[in-house]
Amino acid sequence: MSHPLPKLDAIDRQLLQALQQNGRATVGELAEMVSLSPSPCWRRVKLLEESGLVEGYHARLSRRQLGYGVTGFVQLQMENHTSQATEAFEREVVALPQVLSCHNLSGRYDYQLEVVAQDLESFADYLRTRIRALPGVREVSTSFSLKEVKRSRSLPIDGAS
């Protein structure tokens, strides 16, 4: 059940920032960070969760430690843009675990995928057997990450409603 979006004050912004940095922080730790007692702090966090501003808590895993040494960005051009073709493509792409993100784009390409693989050989195999086999794909272009300069899932809180 989603509650209406609360008007964010300075304490809400501090809580959101703290939760983005450490989703495992206890209510006591959060309360101390924002100078509240635990009960009102817990109520605020609960309201932020119920409003949908906080969508979940996640662990950030090491790609390299899990054996994913290659990150590729795959741009796809589709054969057609009917709602049936789009729905079929999107339904199948979300089920692919090595696809970390999929964005519908403006411009020459219709979609961009962020894909991880153990090495170039396994990436090439995944591209041939899984990505090119997705419904409606006409053209594929791939770029590889040579170095990750920034990786963040934290959103800027300043200026948020």
Protein backbone atom coordinates (compact mmCIF):
# COMPACT_ATOMS: atom_id res chain seq x y z
CA MET A 1 0.00 0.00 0.00
CA SER A 2 1.54 3.29 -1.14
CA HIS A 3 0.98 6.45 0.85
CA PRO A 4 1.04 9.96 -0.62
CA LEU A 5 4.49 11.38 -1.23
CA PRO A 6 5.53 13.35 1.88
CA LYS A 7 6.92 16.88 1.63
CA LEU A 8 10.59 16.35 2.37
CA ASP A 9 12.15 18.46 5.10
CA ALA A 10 15.82 18.65 6.10
CA ILE A 11 15.54 15.62 8.42
CA ASP A 12 13.91 13.48 5.71
CA ARG A 13 16.72 14.43 3.32
CA GLN A 14 19.33 13.51 5.93
CA LEU A 15 17.61 10.18 6.54
CA LEU A 16 17.47 9.39 2.82
CA GLN A 17 21.14 10.27 2.42
CA ALA A 18 22.10 8.14 5.43
CA LEU A 19 20.05 5.18 4.18
CA GLN A 20 21.67 5.39 0.73
CA GLN A 21 25.11 5.30 2.33
CA ASN A 22 24.29 2.55 4.82
CA GLY A 23 21.03 0.66 4.40
CA ARG A 24 21.97 -1.49 7.41
CA ALA A 25 22.07 1.44 9.85
CA THR A 26 19.92 0.81 12.89
CA VAL A 27 17.11 3.17 13.85
CA GLY A 28 19.24 4.22 16.82
CA GLU A 29 22.16 5.10 14.55
CA LEU A 30 19.89 6.97 12.15
CA ALA A 31 18.22 8.83 15.01
CA GLU A 32 21.61 9.95 16.30
CA MET A 33 22.67 11.14 12.82
CA VAL A 34 19.59 13.34 12.46
CA SER A 35 19.27 14.39 16.13
CA LEU A 36 15.94 12.66 16.80
CA SER A 37 14.90 10.10 19.36
CA PRO A 38 14.44 6.56 17.95
CA SER A 39 10.60 6.48 17.89
CA PRO A 40 10.05 9.59 15.74
CA CYS A 41 12.98 8.53 13.56
CA TRP A 42 11.44 5.08 13.03
CA ARG A 43 8.08 6.68 12.12
CA ARG A 44 9.77 8.93 9.52
CA VAL A 45 11.68 6.02 7.97
CA LYS A 46 8.48 3.96 7.87
CA LEU A 47 6.66 6.83 6.13
CA LEU A 48 9.50 7.18 3.59
CA GLU A 49 9.25 3.43 2.89
CA GLU A 50 5.44 3.41 2.65
CA SER A 51 5.42 6.42 0.31
CA GLY A 52 7.64 4.50 -2.12
CA LEU A 53 10.64 6.83 -1.80
CA VAL A 54 12.62 3.96 -0.27
CA GLU A 55 12.16 1.05 -2.67
CA GLY A 56 14.33 -1.48 -0.85
CA TYR A 57 17.65 -2.26 0.76
CA HIS A 58 20.40 -4.00 -1.15
CA ALA A 59 23.94 -5.25 -0.79
CA ARG A 60 26.43 -4.03 -3.41
CA LEU A 61 28.42 -7.03 -4.58
CA SER A 62 31.87 -7.06 -6.15
CA ARG A 63 31.64 -7.91 -9.85
CA ARG A 64 35.31 -8.83 -9.95
CA GLN A 65 35.14 -11.08 -6.86
CA LEU A 66 32.19 -12.91 -8.42
CA GLY A 67 34.21 -13.49 -11.58
CA TYR A 68 32.66 -10.86 -13.86
CA GLY A 69 35.73 -9.26 -15.45
CA VAL A 70 33.96 -7.73 -18.47
CA THR A 71 31.24 -5.10 -18.61
CA GLY A 72 29.76 -4.32 -22.00
CA PHE A 73 27.20 -1.80 -23.16
CA VAL A 74 25.05 -3.22 -25.93
CA GLN A 75 22.98 -0.87 -28.08
CA LEU A 76 20.07 -2.50 -29.90
CA GLN A 77 18.01 -1.35 -32.84
CA MET A 78 14.65 -3.06 -33.17
CA GLU A 79 12.94 -4.37 -36.31
CA ASN A 80 9.68 -2.63 -35.49
CA HIS A 81 8.15 -0.63 -32.69
CA THR A 82 4.73 -2.17 -32.21
CA SER A 83 3.53 -2.58 -28.65
CA GLN A 84 3.54 -6.38 -29.08
CA ALA A 85 7.18 -6.40 -30.23
CA THR A 86 8.24 -4.02 -27.47
CA GLU A 87 6.43 -6.02 -24.78
CA ALA A 88 7.92 -9.32 -25.99
CA PHE A 89 11.44 -7.88 -26.03
CA GLU A 90 11.14 -6.23 -22.61
CA ARG A 91 9.56 -9.33 -21.04
CA GLU A 92 12.49 -11.49 -22.16
CA VAL A 93 15.30 -9.03 -21.44
CA VAL A 94 14.26 -8.56 -17.79
CA ALA A 95 14.66 -12.31 -17.28
CA LEU A 96 18.34 -12.29 -18.32
CA PRO A 97 20.47 -12.22 -15.14
CA GLN A 98 23.65 -10.97 -16.83
CA VAL A 99 21.78 -7.88 -18.07
CA LEU A 100 22.18 -5.44 -15.19
CA SER A 101 20.22 -2.61 -16.75
CA CYS A 102 18.11 -1.96 -19.82
CA HIS A 103 17.17 1.51 -20.98
CA ASN A 104 14.78 2.49 -23.77
CA LEU A 105 16.59 5.29 -25.63
CA SER A 106 15.95 8.17 -27.95
CA GLY A 107 18.17 8.44 -31.00
CA ARG A 108 19.57 5.82 -33.37
CA TYR A 109 19.31 2.86 -30.99
CA ASP A 110 16.17 1.78 -29.22
CA TYR A 111 17.72 0.11 -26.16
CA GLN A 112 20.97 0.01 -24.26
CA LEU A 113 21.87 -2.93 -22.06
CA GLU A 114 24.59 -3.14 -19.44
CA VAL A 115 25.85 -6.72 -19.52
CA VAL A 116 28.46 -8.52 -17.40
CA ALA A 117 30.45 -11.62 -18.32
CA GLN A 118 33.44 -13.53 -17.02
CA ASP A 119 35.63 -12.73 -20.02
CA LEU A 120 35.44 -11.65 -23.66
CA GLU A 121 34.81 -15.17 -24.91
CA SER A 122 31.84 -15.71 -22.60
CA PHE A 123 30.56 -12.21 -23.44
CA ALA A 124 30.68 -13.00 -27.16
CA ASP A 125 28.88 -16.28 -26.59
CA TYR A 126 26.18 -14.57 -24.47
CA LEU A 127 25.75 -11.90 -27.14
CA ARG A 128 25.33 -14.51 -29.91
CA THR A 129 23.09 -16.94 -28.04
CA ARG A 130 20.99 -14.69 -25.78
CA ILE A 131 21.04 -11.03 -26.80
CA ARG A 132 20.78 -11.48 -30.58
CA ALA A 133 18.05 -14.07 -29.97
CA LEU A 134 15.80 -11.56 -28.18
CA PRO A 135 12.59 -10.91 -30.11
CA GLY A 136 12.69 -8.13 -32.67
CA VAL A 137 16.42 -7.30 -32.52
CA ARG A 138 17.70 -6.04 -35.87
CA GLU A 139 21.07 -4.45 -35.15
CA VAL A 140 23.57 -4.76 -32.29
CA SER A 141 26.50 -2.51 -31.41
CA THR A 142 28.74 -3.15 -28.39
CA SER A 143 31.19 -1.04 -26.40
CA PHE A 144 33.29 -2.35 -23.53
CA SER A 145 34.16 -0.63 -20.30
CA LEU A 146 37.93 -0.19 -20.10
CA LYS A 147 37.80 1.32 -16.62
CA GLU A 148 34.98 2.11 -14.24
CA VAL A 149 35.47 5.70 -13.13
CA LYS A 150 32.30 6.04 -11.05
CA ARG A 151 29.69 3.59 -9.89
CA SER A 152 26.90 4.84 -7.71
CA ARG A 153 23.28 4.04 -7.11
CA SER A 154 22.89 7.03 -4.79
CA LEU A 155 20.56 9.76 -5.98
CA PRO A 156 21.20 13.42 -5.16
CA ILE A 157 18.98 14.40 -2.25
CA ASP A 158 19.51 18.18 -2.29
CA GLY A 159 16.80 19.79 -4.32
CA ALA A 160 14.48 16.77 -4.01
CA SER A 161 10.85 17.72 -3.46
